[in-house]
Amino acid sequence: MRIFIGMTQLPFALIISRVFIGLGIIALSILQTENYALWIVTLMIIGLLTDVFDGIIARKLNVSTEKLRVWDSNVDLFFWLTVIGAIFYLNWPFVKGHFGWIVAVLLMESIGYLISYIKFKKPVATHSILAKFWTITLLGFLIDLTLNTTSSAFFFICIGLGLISRLEIILIIIKLSNWATDVPSIFSVAKINRGFPIKRNRWFNG
């Protein structure tokens, strides 16, 4: 019984681990110890893997609750903001040169959360498939920037998909009749509003 209880808590433990991983990346960016760039990249990859597997394990154990998904979304936001803050701190000249594009994505992200809180009094937890793919491009860009102190193709792919995925999330929130988690795309909203079951990807949505 104790083993079973421990296993059911594993998804939550993986979610919380990203808080400490994010704080570790912040510490590395400040201390700049030997091989800190490689350590930051390693921790970023580990953080992304915890994000992938917390949902997979939760669905496997049938513990993918609304509360868990909200925790996942809030911790994701904290994790990526700390990672972005740390890496931008280390590469401020690059940030200054691309400030407008970066602010545009952050502004779109903020608008989505603002609309969700105003409309539903709850945070964003859509976990759309497009947003998942954006996370992968974000990781690629941040790795590129960390290791090379600059980025071109990875950066603009990340910005483009970031703007598109944030716009989709905003439209999903606007069109939803009731707050919902795990909305694969804008095309799923009509079915959700009517109470119809929707097709979900076992790797990306609960």
N, C-alpha and C. Protein backbone atom coordinates (compact mmCIF):
# COMPACT_ATOMS: atom_id res chain seq x y z
N MET A 1 0.83 -1.20 0.00
CA MET A 1 0.00 0.00 0.00
C MET A 1 0.87 1.26 0.00
N ARG A 2 1.90 1.29 0.78
CA ARG A 2 2.79 2.45 0.85
C ARG A 2 3.44 2.72 -0.50
N ILE A 3 3.82 1.64 -1.20
CA ILE A 3 4.43 1.79 -2.52
C ILE A 3 3.43 2.41 -3.48
N PHE A 4 2.16 1.95 -3.42
CA PHE A 4 1.13 2.47 -4.31
C PHE A 4 0.90 3.96 -4.06
N ILE A 5 0.82 4.34 -2.78
CA ILE A 5 0.61 5.75 -2.43
C ILE A 5 1.79 6.59 -2.94
N GLY A 6 2.98 6.05 -2.78
CA GLY A 6 4.16 6.77 -3.26
C GLY A 6 4.13 6.96 -4.76
N MET A 7 3.71 5.94 -5.50
CA MET A 7 3.64 6.04 -6.94
C MET A 7 2.61 7.08 -7.38
N THR A 8 1.48 7.15 -6.69
CA THR A 8 0.45 8.11 -7.08
C THR A 8 0.91 9.55 -6.85
N GLN A 9 1.88 9.75 -5.97
CA GLN A 9 2.42 11.08 -5.71
C GLN A 9 3.55 11.45 -6.66
N LEU A 10 4.00 10.50 -7.49
CA LEU A 10 5.14 10.75 -8.37
C LEU A 10 4.89 11.89 -9.36
N PRO A 11 3.73 11.96 -10.01
CA PRO A 11 3.51 13.09 -10.93
C PRO A 11 3.65 14.45 -10.24
N PHE A 12 3.09 14.57 -9.03
CA PHE A 12 3.19 15.83 -8.30
C PHE A 12 4.64 16.12 -7.92
N ALA A 13 5.39 15.08 -7.55
CA ALA A 13 6.80 15.25 -7.21
C ALA A 13 7.60 15.74 -8.42
N LEU A 14 7.27 15.21 -9.59
CA LEU A 14 7.94 15.66 -10.82
C LEU A 14 7.62 17.12 -11.12
N ILE A 15 6.37 17.51 -10.89
CA ILE A 15 5.98 18.91 -11.09
C ILE A 15 6.77 19.82 -10.16
N ILE A 16 6.79 19.49 -8.87
CA ILE A 16 7.47 20.33 -7.88
C ILE A 16 8.98 20.36 -8.14
N SER A 17 9.53 19.29 -8.70
CA SER A 17 10.97 19.25 -8.96
C SER A 17 11.39 20.38 -9.89
N ARG A 18 10.48 20.85 -10.77
CA ARG A 18 10.83 21.94 -11.68
C ARG A 18 11.03 23.25 -10.95
N VAL A 19 10.41 23.40 -9.81
CA VAL A 19 10.65 24.61 -9.00
C VAL A 19 12.12 24.65 -8.58
N PHE A 20 12.62 23.52 -8.08
CA PHE A 20 13.99 23.47 -7.60
C PHE A 20 14.99 23.50 -8.77
N ILE A 21 14.62 22.89 -9.88
CA ILE A 21 15.48 22.95 -11.06
C ILE A 21 15.61 24.39 -11.54
N GLY A 22 14.48 25.11 -11.57
CA GLY A 22 14.52 26.52 -11.97
C GLY A 22 15.38 27.35 -11.04
N LEU A 23 15.25 27.13 -9.74
CA LEU A 23 16.07 27.86 -8.76
C LEU A 23 17.55 27.51 -8.92
N GLY A 24 17.83 26.25 -9.26
CA GLY A 24 19.21 25.83 -9.49
C GLY A 24 19.81 26.55 -10.69
N ILE A 25 19.01 26.73 -11.74
CA ILE A 25 19.49 27.44 -12.92
C ILE A 25 19.75 28.91 -12.60
N ILE A 26 18.89 29.51 -11.79
CA ILE A 26 19.11 30.88 -11.35
C ILE A 26 20.44 30.99 -10.60
N ALA A 27 20.68 30.04 -9.68
CA ALA A 27 21.92 30.05 -8.90
C ALA A 27 23.15 29.92 -9.80
N LEU A 28 23.07 29.03 -10.78
CA LEU A 28 24.19 28.85 -11.70
C LEU A 28 24.46 30.11 -12.52
N SER A 29 23.41 30.81 -12.92
CA SER A 29 23.60 32.02 -13.71
C SER A 29 24.25 33.13 -12.89
N ILE A 30 23.99 33.13 -11.59
CA ILE A 30 24.59 34.15 -10.72
C ILE A 30 26.02 33.79 -10.34
N LEU A 31 26.22 32.54 -9.94
CA LEU A 31 27.54 32.11 -9.48
C LEU A 31 28.51 31.87 -10.64
N GLN A 32 27.98 31.44 -11.78
CA GLN A 32 28.78 31.17 -12.98
C GLN A 32 30.00 30.29 -12.65
N THR A 33 29.70 29.15 -12.05
CA THR A 33 30.73 28.19 -11.69
C THR A 33 31.29 27.54 -12.95
N GLU A 34 32.29 26.69 -12.79
CA GLU A 34 32.93 26.04 -13.93
C GLU A 34 31.90 25.21 -14.72
N ASN A 35 31.93 25.38 -16.04
CA ASN A 35 31.01 24.67 -16.94
C ASN A 35 29.54 24.96 -16.63
N TYR A 36 29.26 26.17 -16.15
CA TYR A 36 27.89 26.49 -15.76
C TYR A 36 26.92 26.41 -16.95
N ALA A 37 27.39 26.76 -18.14
CA ALA A 37 26.52 26.72 -19.31
C ALA A 37 26.04 25.29 -19.59
N LEU A 38 26.95 24.33 -19.50
CA LEU A 38 26.57 22.94 -19.73
C LEU A 38 25.62 22.44 -18.64
N TRP A 39 25.86 22.88 -17.41
CA TRP A 39 24.97 22.48 -16.31
C TRP A 39 23.58 23.07 -16.51
N ILE A 40 23.51 24.31 -16.97
CA ILE A 40 22.22 24.94 -17.21
C ILE A 40 21.45 24.19 -18.30
N VAL A 41 22.15 23.85 -19.38
CA VAL A 41 21.52 23.10 -20.47
C VAL A 41 21.02 21.75 -19.98
N THR A 42 21.83 21.07 -19.19
CA THR A 42 21.44 19.77 -18.63
C THR A 42 20.19 19.88 -17.78
N LEU A 43 20.15 20.90 -16.92
CA LEU A 43 18.99 21.09 -16.04
C LEU A 43 17.74 21.46 -16.84
N MET A 44 17.90 22.24 -17.90
CA MET A 44 16.76 22.59 -18.75
C MET A 44 16.16 21.34 -19.38
N ILE A 45 17.02 20.47 -19.88
CA ILE A 45 16.54 19.24 -20.51
C ILE A 45 15.83 18.35 -19.48
N ILE A 46 16.42 18.24 -18.29
CA ILE A 46 15.78 17.46 -17.23
C ILE A 46 14.42 18.05 -16.87
N GLY A 47 14.36 19.38 -16.80
CA GLY A 47 13.10 20.05 -16.49
C GLY A 47 12.03 19.75 -17.53
N LEU A 48 12.41 19.78 -18.81
CA LEU A 48 11.45 19.47 -19.87
C LEU A 48 10.99 18.01 -19.77
N LEU A 49 11.91 17.11 -19.47
CA LEU A 49 11.54 15.69 -19.35
C LEU A 49 10.56 15.46 -18.20
N THR A 50 10.76 16.18 -17.09
CA THR A 50 9.80 16.05 -15.98
C THR A 50 8.42 16.54 -16.41
N ASP A 51 8.40 17.56 -17.27
CA ASP A 51 7.13 18.10 -17.76
C ASP A 51 6.43 17.09 -18.67
N VAL A 52 7.19 16.37 -19.46
CA VAL A 52 6.63 15.36 -20.34
C VAL A 52 6.08 14.18 -19.55
N PHE A 53 6.89 13.70 -18.62
CA PHE A 53 6.54 12.45 -17.95
C PHE A 53 5.56 12.62 -16.79
N ASP A 54 5.45 13.83 -16.22
CA ASP A 54 4.47 13.97 -15.13
C ASP A 54 3.05 13.71 -15.65
N GLY A 55 2.75 14.21 -16.87
CA GLY A 55 1.43 13.98 -17.43
C GLY A 55 1.21 12.54 -17.85
N ILE A 56 2.23 11.94 -18.47
CA ILE A 56 2.12 10.55 -18.92
C ILE A 56 1.89 9.62 -17.74
N ILE A 57 2.67 9.82 -16.68
CA ILE A 57 2.55 8.97 -15.49
C ILE A 57 1.22 9.20 -14.79
N ALA A 58 0.80 10.48 -14.72
CA ALA A 58 -0.48 10.78 -14.07
C ALA A 58 -1.64 10.10 -14.78
N ARG A 59 -1.62 10.13 -16.12
CA ARG A 59 -2.69 9.47 -16.87
C ARG A 59 -2.62 7.96 -16.71
N LYS A 60 -1.41 7.42 -16.65
CA LYS A 60 -1.24 5.98 -16.47
C LYS A 60 -1.79 5.52 -15.12
N LEU A 61 -1.60 6.37 -14.09
CA LEU A 61 -2.03 6.02 -12.73
C LEU A 61 -3.44 6.52 -12.44
N ASN A 62 -4.08 7.15 -13.44
CA ASN A 62 -5.43 7.70 -13.25
C ASN A 62 -5.50 8.74 -12.14
N VAL A 63 -4.48 9.59 -12.07
CA VAL A 63 -4.48 10.66 -11.06
C VAL A 63 -4.35 12.02 -11.72
N SER A 64 -4.69 12.10 -13.01
CA SER A 64 -4.58 13.37 -13.74
C SER A 64 -5.80 14.23 -13.45
N THR A 65 -5.84 14.80 -12.25
CA THR A 65 -6.97 15.60 -11.80
C THR A 65 -6.84 17.04 -12.27
N GLU A 66 -7.94 17.77 -12.15
CA GLU A 66 -7.92 19.20 -12.50
C GLU A 66 -6.92 19.95 -11.64
N LYS A 67 -6.88 19.64 -10.35
CA LYS A 67 -5.95 20.30 -9.44
C LYS A 67 -4.50 20.06 -9.86
N LEU A 68 -4.20 18.84 -10.26
CA LEU A 68 -2.84 18.51 -10.68
C LEU A 68 -2.48 19.28 -11.95
N ARG A 69 -3.42 19.40 -12.88
CA ARG A 69 -3.16 20.10 -14.13
C ARG A 69 -2.93 21.58 -13.88
N VAL A 70 -3.65 22.17 -12.92
CA VAL A 70 -3.45 23.58 -12.58
C VAL A 70 -2.07 23.77 -11.97
N TRP A 71 -1.70 22.86 -11.06
CA TRP A 71 -0.35 22.91 -10.49
C TRP A 71 0.70 22.83 -11.60
N ASP A 72 0.47 21.93 -12.54
CA ASP A 72 1.40 21.75 -13.66
C ASP A 72 1.56 23.04 -14.44
N SER A 73 0.46 23.71 -14.75
CA SER A 73 0.50 24.95 -15.52
C SER A 73 1.22 26.06 -14.75
N ASN A 74 0.89 26.20 -13.47
CA ASN A 74 1.50 27.26 -12.67
C ASN A 74 3.00 27.05 -12.48
N VAL A 75 3.40 25.80 -12.24
CA VAL A 75 4.82 25.50 -12.07
C VAL A 75 5.56 25.65 -13.40
N ASP A 76 4.91 25.26 -14.49
CA ASP A 76 5.52 25.46 -15.82
C ASP A 76 5.84 26.93 -16.03
N LEU A 77 4.87 27.79 -15.70
CA LEU A 77 5.08 29.23 -15.87
C LEU A 77 6.26 29.70 -15.02
N PHE A 78 6.31 29.26 -13.76
CA PHE A 78 7.42 29.64 -12.89
C PHE A 78 8.75 29.13 -13.43
N PHE A 79 8.77 27.87 -13.86
CA PHE A 79 10.00 27.26 -14.35
C PHE A 79 10.55 28.01 -15.55
N TRP A 80 9.72 28.24 -16.54
CA TRP A 80 10.21 28.88 -17.76
C TRP A 80 10.55 30.34 -17.55
N LEU A 81 9.84 31.03 -16.66
CA LEU A 81 10.21 32.42 -16.37
C LEU A 81 11.56 32.49 -15.67
N THR A 82 11.84 31.56 -14.75
CA THR A 82 13.15 31.56 -14.08
C THR A 82 14.26 31.19 -15.06
N VAL A 83 13.99 30.22 -15.92
CA VAL A 83 14.99 29.81 -16.92
C VAL A 83 15.27 30.96 -17.89
N ILE A 84 14.21 31.55 -18.42
CA ILE A 84 14.38 32.66 -19.35
C ILE A 84 15.09 33.83 -18.67
N GLY A 85 14.69 34.14 -17.44
CA GLY A 85 15.33 35.22 -16.70
C GLY A 85 16.82 34.98 -16.51
N ALA A 86 17.18 33.76 -16.15
CA ALA A 86 18.59 33.43 -15.91
C ALA A 86 19.41 33.52 -17.19
N ILE A 87 18.89 32.97 -18.27
CA ILE A 87 19.64 32.95 -19.53
C ILE A 87 19.70 34.34 -20.16
N PHE A 88 18.63 35.10 -20.02
CA PHE A 88 18.65 36.48 -20.54
C PHE A 88 19.62 37.34 -19.73
N TYR A 89 19.71 37.07 -18.44
CA TYR A 89 20.68 37.78 -17.59
C TYR A 89 22.11 37.53 -18.07
N LEU A 90 22.37 36.30 -18.48
CA LEU A 90 23.71 35.95 -18.96
C LEU A 90 23.99 36.47 -20.37
N ASN A 91 22.95 36.77 -21.12
CA ASN A 91 23.11 37.16 -22.53
C ASN A 91 22.34 38.46 -22.81
N TRP A 92 22.52 39.44 -21.96
CA TRP A 92 21.77 40.68 -22.06
C TRP A 92 21.99 41.42 -23.39
N PRO A 93 23.20 41.44 -23.96
CA PRO A 93 23.38 42.11 -25.26
C PRO A 93 22.44 41.55 -26.34
N PHE A 94 22.27 40.23 -26.38
CA PHE A 94 21.35 39.61 -27.34
C PHE A 94 19.93 40.05 -27.06
N VAL A 95 19.55 40.07 -25.79
CA VAL A 95 18.19 40.44 -25.41
C VAL A 95 17.88 41.88 -25.84
N LYS A 96 18.81 42.79 -25.62
CA LYS A 96 18.61 44.19 -26.00
C LYS A 96 18.41 44.32 -27.50
N GLY A 97 19.10 43.49 -28.27
CA GLY A 97 19.00 43.56 -29.72
C GLY A 97 17.71 42.97 -30.27
N HIS A 98 17.00 42.20 -29.46
CA HIS A 98 15.76 41.55 -29.92
C HIS A 98 14.62 41.80 -28.94
N PHE A 99 14.70 42.92 -28.26
CA PHE A 99 13.79 43.20 -27.14
C PHE A 99 12.33 43.22 -27.57
N GLY A 100 12.04 43.81 -28.70
CA GLY A 100 10.66 43.95 -29.14
C GLY A 100 9.97 42.62 -29.36
N TRP A 101 10.66 41.68 -30.02
CA TRP A 101 10.08 40.36 -30.28
C TRP A 101 9.83 39.61 -28.97
N ILE A 102 10.79 39.70 -28.05
CA ILE A 102 10.66 39.00 -26.77
C ILE A 102 9.48 39.55 -25.97
N VAL A 103 9.36 40.86 -25.92
CA VAL A 103 8.25 41.48 -25.20
C VAL A 103 6.91 41.10 -25.82
N ALA A 104 6.87 40.97 -27.15
CA ALA A 104 5.62 40.61 -27.83
C ALA A 104 5.10 39.25 -27.36
N VAL A 105 6.00 38.26 -27.25
CA VAL A 105 5.59 36.93 -26.78
C VAL A 105 5.16 36.98 -25.32
N LEU A 106 5.94 37.66 -24.48
CA LEU A 106 5.59 37.77 -23.06
C LEU A 106 4.27 38.50 -22.87
N LEU A 107 4.01 39.50 -23.70
CA LEU A 107 2.75 40.25 -23.62
C LEU A 107 1.58 39.36 -23.98
N MET A 108 1.73 38.56 -25.03
CA MET A 108 0.67 37.64 -25.43
C MET A 108 0.40 36.61 -24.34
N GLU A 109 1.46 36.13 -23.71
CA GLU A 109 1.30 35.18 -22.60
C GLU A 109 0.52 35.82 -21.46
N SER A 110 0.86 37.06 -21.13
CA SER A 110 0.20 37.78 -20.04
C SER A 110 -1.27 38.03 -20.35
N ILE A 111 -1.57 38.37 -21.60
CA ILE A 111 -2.95 38.62 -22.00
C ILE A 111 -3.81 37.36 -21.82
N GLY A 112 -3.25 36.20 -22.18
CA GLY A 112 -3.97 34.95 -22.01
C GLY A 112 -4.33 34.70 -20.55
N TYR A 113 -3.37 34.89 -19.65
CA TYR A 113 -3.62 34.69 -18.23
C TYR A 113 -4.62 35.71 -17.70
N LEU A 114 -4.50 36.96 -18.16
CA LEU A 114 -5.40 38.01 -17.70
C LEU A 114 -6.84 37.70 -18.10
N ILE A 115 -7.04 37.32 -19.35
CA ILE A 115 -8.39 36.99 -19.82
C ILE A 115 -8.97 35.81 -19.06
N SER A 116 -8.14 34.79 -18.80
CA SER A 116 -8.60 33.61 -18.07
C SER A 116 -9.03 33.96 -16.65
N TYR A 117 -8.24 34.82 -15.98
CA TYR A 117 -8.59 35.21 -14.61
C TYR A 117 -9.84 36.08 -14.58
N ILE A 118 -9.97 36.96 -15.57
CA ILE A 118 -11.15 37.82 -15.62
C ILE A 118 -12.40 37.00 -15.92
N LYS A 119 -12.32 36.08 -16.87
CA LYS A 119 -13.48 35.31 -17.32
C LYS A 119 -13.85 34.17 -16.39
N PHE A 120 -12.81 33.43 -15.92
CA PHE A 120 -13.08 32.21 -15.16
C PHE A 120 -12.56 32.25 -13.73
N LYS A 121 -11.81 33.28 -13.38
CA LYS A 121 -11.17 33.36 -12.06
C LYS A 121 -10.20 32.21 -11.83
N LYS A 122 -9.66 31.68 -12.94
CA LYS A 122 -8.71 30.57 -12.87
C LYS A 122 -7.58 30.81 -13.88
N PRO A 123 -6.42 30.16 -13.64
CA PRO A 123 -5.30 30.34 -14.56
C PRO A 123 -5.48 29.53 -15.84
N VAL A 124 -4.63 29.80 -16.80
CA VAL A 124 -4.63 29.03 -18.05
C VAL A 124 -4.11 27.63 -17.78
N ALA A 125 -4.81 26.63 -18.30
CA ALA A 125 -4.37 25.23 -18.17
C ALA A 125 -4.79 24.44 -19.41
N THR A 126 -4.72 25.09 -20.57
CA THR A 126 -5.19 24.46 -21.79
C THR A 126 -4.29 23.33 -22.28
N HIS A 127 -2.98 23.46 -22.06
CA HIS A 127 -2.03 22.44 -22.50
C HIS A 127 -2.26 22.05 -23.96
N SER A 128 -2.43 23.04 -24.81
CA SER A 128 -2.68 22.76 -26.22
C SER A 128 -1.46 22.11 -26.87
N ILE A 129 -1.72 21.35 -27.93
CA ILE A 129 -0.64 20.65 -28.62
C ILE A 129 0.34 21.64 -29.24
N LEU A 130 -0.19 22.73 -29.80
CA LEU A 130 0.67 23.74 -30.41
C LEU A 130 1.60 24.36 -29.37
N ALA A 131 1.07 24.58 -28.16
CA ALA A 131 1.89 25.14 -27.09
C ALA A 131 2.99 24.16 -26.67
N LYS A 132 2.69 22.86 -26.73
CA LYS A 132 3.70 21.85 -26.41
C LYS A 132 4.86 21.92 -27.40
N PHE A 133 4.52 22.05 -28.68
CA PHE A 133 5.56 22.15 -29.70
C PHE A 133 6.37 23.45 -29.53
N TRP A 134 5.69 24.51 -29.12
CA TRP A 134 6.41 25.76 -28.87
C TRP A 134 7.43 25.59 -27.75
N THR A 135 7.07 24.83 -26.73
CA THR A 135 7.99 24.59 -25.62
C THR A 135 9.28 23.94 -26.12
N ILE A 136 9.15 23.03 -27.08
CA ILE A 136 10.33 22.38 -27.64
C ILE A 136 11.21 23.38 -28.38
N THR A 137 10.58 24.28 -29.15
CA THR A 137 11.36 25.29 -29.87
C THR A 137 11.98 26.29 -28.89
N LEU A 138 11.27 26.58 -27.79
CA LEU A 138 11.82 27.45 -26.76
C LEU A 138 13.07 26.85 -26.15
N LEU A 139 13.00 25.54 -25.86
CA LEU A 139 14.17 24.86 -25.31
C LEU A 139 15.33 24.92 -26.29
N GLY A 140 15.07 24.67 -27.58
CA GLY A 140 16.12 24.72 -28.59
C GLY A 140 16.77 26.09 -28.65
N PHE A 141 15.95 27.13 -28.62
CA PHE A 141 16.48 28.50 -28.65
C PHE A 141 17.33 28.80 -27.42
N LEU A 142 16.84 28.43 -26.24
CA LEU A 142 17.56 28.73 -25.01
C LEU A 142 18.88 27.96 -24.92
N ILE A 143 18.89 26.73 -25.41
CA ILE A 143 20.13 25.96 -25.46
C ILE A 143 21.12 26.63 -26.40
N ASP A 144 20.64 27.03 -27.57
CA ASP A 144 21.48 27.71 -28.56
C ASP A 144 22.07 28.99 -27.98
N LEU A 145 21.23 29.77 -27.32
CA LEU A 145 21.69 31.04 -26.73
C LEU A 145 22.67 30.80 -25.58
N THR A 146 22.41 29.80 -24.77
CA THR A 146 23.28 29.51 -23.62
C THR A 146 24.67 29.09 -24.08
N LEU A 147 24.73 28.25 -25.09
CA LEU A 147 26.02 27.70 -25.54
C LEU A 147 26.77 28.64 -26.47
N ASN A 148 26.04 29.49 -27.21
CA ASN A 148 26.69 30.31 -28.24
C ASN A 148 26.58 31.81 -28.01
N THR A 149 25.86 32.22 -26.97
CA THR A 149 25.59 33.63 -26.64
C THR A 149 24.87 34.38 -27.76
N THR A 150 24.34 33.68 -28.72
CA THR A 150 23.53 34.27 -29.79
C THR A 150 22.65 33.18 -30.39
N SER A 151 21.67 33.59 -31.19
CA SER A 151 20.79 32.64 -31.85
C SER A 151 20.10 33.35 -33.01
N SER A 152 19.88 32.63 -34.09
CA SER A 152 19.20 33.22 -35.24
C SER A 152 17.98 32.39 -35.63
N ALA A 153 18.20 31.27 -36.31
CA ALA A 153 17.08 30.44 -36.78
C ALA A 153 16.23 29.95 -35.62
N PHE A 154 16.87 29.41 -34.58
CA PHE A 154 16.12 28.91 -33.43
C PHE A 154 15.28 30.02 -32.80
N PHE A 155 15.85 31.21 -32.74
CA PHE A 155 15.15 32.33 -32.11
C PHE A 155 13.88 32.69 -32.87
N PHE A 156 13.98 32.86 -34.18
CA PHE A 156 12.83 33.30 -34.95
C PHE A 156 11.77 32.22 -35.10
N ILE A 157 12.18 30.95 -35.12
CA ILE A 157 11.21 29.86 -35.10
C ILE A 157 10.45 29.88 -33.77
N CYS A 158 11.18 30.07 -32.69
CA CYS A 158 10.59 30.13 -31.35
C CYS A 158 9.62 31.30 -31.23
N ILE A 159 10.02 32.47 -31.72
CA ILE A 159 9.16 33.65 -31.64
C ILE A 159 7.90 33.45 -32.48
N GLY A 160 8.06 32.96 -33.70
CA GLY A 160 6.91 32.76 -34.57
C GLY A 160 5.90 31.80 -34.00
N LEU A 161 6.37 30.63 -33.56
CA LEU A 161 5.47 29.64 -32.99
C LEU A 161 4.92 30.10 -31.64
N GLY A 162 5.72 30.88 -30.92
CA GLY A 162 5.26 31.43 -29.64
C GLY A 162 4.08 32.35 -29.82
N LEU A 163 4.16 33.25 -30.79
CA LEU A 163 3.07 34.19 -31.05
C LEU A 163 1.81 33.46 -31.52
N ILE A 164 1.98 32.48 -32.40
CA ILE A 164 0.83 31.74 -32.93
C ILE A 164 0.17 30.92 -31.82
N SER A 165 0.98 30.22 -31.02
CA SER A 165 0.42 29.38 -29.96
C SER A 165 -0.24 30.21 -28.86
N ARG A 166 0.32 31.38 -28.53
CA ARG A 166 -0.31 32.26 -27.54
C ARG A 166 -1.63 32.80 -28.07
N LEU A 167 -1.66 33.14 -29.36
CA LEU A 167 -2.91 33.63 -29.95
C LEU A 167 -3.97 32.55 -29.90
N GLU A 168 -3.59 31.30 -30.18
CA GLU A 168 -4.56 30.20 -30.12
C GLU A 168 -5.10 30.04 -28.71
N ILE A 169 -4.24 30.13 -27.71
CA ILE A 169 -4.68 29.99 -26.32
C ILE A 169 -5.67 31.09 -25.96
N ILE A 170 -5.38 32.32 -26.39
CA ILE A 170 -6.29 33.43 -26.12
C ILE A 170 -7.65 33.18 -26.75
N LEU A 171 -7.66 32.70 -27.99
CA LEU A 171 -8.93 32.41 -28.67
C LEU A 171 -9.67 31.26 -28.00
N ILE A 172 -8.91 30.24 -27.54
CA ILE A 172 -9.54 29.13 -26.82
C ILE A 172 -10.26 29.63 -25.58
N ILE A 173 -9.59 30.48 -24.80
CA ILE A 173 -10.16 31.00 -23.56
C ILE A 173 -11.40 31.84 -23.85
N ILE A 174 -11.32 32.67 -24.88
CA ILE A 174 -12.45 33.52 -25.24
C ILE A 174 -13.66 32.69 -25.66
N LYS A 175 -13.43 31.61 -26.41
CA LYS A 175 -14.53 30.82 -26.97
C LYS A 175 -15.08 29.78 -25.99
N LEU A 176 -14.31 29.38 -24.98
CA LEU A 176 -14.79 28.38 -24.03
C LEU A 176 -15.96 28.93 -23.22
N SER A 177 -17.01 28.14 -23.08
CA SER A 177 -18.14 28.53 -22.24
C SER A 177 -17.80 28.37 -20.77
N ASN A 178 -17.05 27.32 -20.45
CA ASN A 178 -16.61 27.05 -19.08
C ASN A 178 -15.12 26.73 -19.09
N TRP A 179 -14.47 27.05 -17.99
CA TRP A 179 -13.03 26.80 -17.88
C TRP A 179 -12.76 25.31 -18.05
N ALA A 180 -11.70 24.98 -18.77
CA ALA A 180 -11.37 23.58 -19.02
C ALA A 180 -9.86 23.40 -19.12
N THR A 181 -9.43 22.21 -18.79
CA THR A 181 -8.02 21.86 -18.95
C THR A 181 -7.87 20.95 -20.16
N ASP A 182 -6.63 20.85 -20.65
CA ASP A 182 -6.29 19.91 -21.72
C ASP A 182 -7.16 20.08 -22.96
N VAL A 183 -7.13 21.27 -23.53
CA VAL A 183 -7.85 21.56 -24.77
C VAL A 183 -6.84 21.44 -25.91
N PRO A 184 -6.91 20.41 -26.74
CA PRO A 184 -5.88 20.17 -27.75
C PRO A 184 -5.66 21.32 -28.72
N SER A 185 -6.77 21.95 -29.17
CA SER A 185 -6.64 23.05 -30.12
C SER A 185 -7.92 23.87 -30.15
N ILE A 186 -7.89 24.97 -30.88
CA ILE A 186 -9.07 25.81 -31.02
C ILE A 186 -10.21 25.05 -31.68
N PHE A 187 -9.89 24.04 -32.49
CA PHE A 187 -10.92 23.28 -33.19
C PHE A 187 -11.69 22.33 -32.27
N SER A 188 -11.19 22.16 -31.04
CA SER A 188 -11.87 21.28 -30.09
C SER A 188 -12.88 22.02 -29.24
N VAL A 189 -12.86 23.34 -29.26
CA VAL A 189 -13.68 24.13 -28.33
C VAL A 189 -15.17 23.92 -28.55
N ALA A 190 -15.60 23.88 -29.80
CA ALA A 190 -17.04 23.73 -30.08
C ALA A 190 -17.59 22.45 -29.46
N LYS A 191 -16.86 21.35 -29.60
CA LYS A 191 -17.30 20.08 -29.01
C LYS A 191 -17.32 20.15 -27.49
N ILE A 192 -16.29 20.78 -26.92
CA ILE A 192 -16.22 20.90 -25.46
C ILE A 192 -17.41 21.71 -24.95
N ASN A 193 -17.74 22.81 -25.62
CA ASN A 193 -18.86 23.64 -25.20
C ASN A 193 -20.19 22.89 -25.26
N ARG A 194 -20.29 21.95 -26.21
CA ARG A 194 -21.52 21.18 -26.35
C ARG A 194 -21.54 19.93 -25.47
N GLY A 195 -20.44 19.69 -24.76
CA GLY A 195 -20.37 18.53 -23.89
C GLY A 195 -20.03 17.24 -24.59
N PHE A 196 -19.55 17.34 -25.84
CA PHE A 196 -19.19 16.15 -26.60
C PHE A 196 -17.77 15.72 -26.25
N PRO A 197 -17.49 14.41 -26.27
CA PRO A 197 -16.11 13.95 -26.04
C PRO A 197 -15.21 14.37 -27.20
N ILE A 198 -13.97 14.65 -26.90
CA ILE A 198 -13.01 15.04 -27.93
C ILE A 198 -11.86 14.05 -27.96
N LYS A 199 -11.24 13.96 -29.13
CA LYS A 199 -10.10 13.06 -29.29
C LYS A 199 -8.87 13.69 -28.65
N ARG A 200 -8.21 12.94 -27.77
CA ARG A 200 -7.03 13.44 -27.09
C ARG A 200 -5.83 12.58 -27.44
N ASN A 201 -4.66 13.21 -27.49
CA ASN A 201 -3.42 12.50 -27.73
C ASN A 201 -2.87 12.05 -26.39
N ARG A 202 -2.59 10.77 -26.25
CA ARG A 202 -2.14 10.24 -24.95
C ARG A 202 -0.80 10.79 -24.51
N TRP A 203 -0.02 11.32 -25.46
CA TRP A 203 1.28 11.88 -25.11
C TRP A 203 1.18 13.34 -24.68
N PHE A 204 0.13 14.05 -25.15
CA PHE A 204 0.07 15.48 -24.92
C PHE A 204 -1.10 15.93 -24.05
N ASN A 205 -2.19 15.18 -24.04
CA ASN A 205 -3.37 15.62 -23.32
C ASN A 205 -3.96 14.49 -22.48
N GLY A 206 -4.56 14.88 -21.32
CA GLY A 206 -5.11 13.90 -20.41
C GLY A 206 -6.42 13.32 -20.90
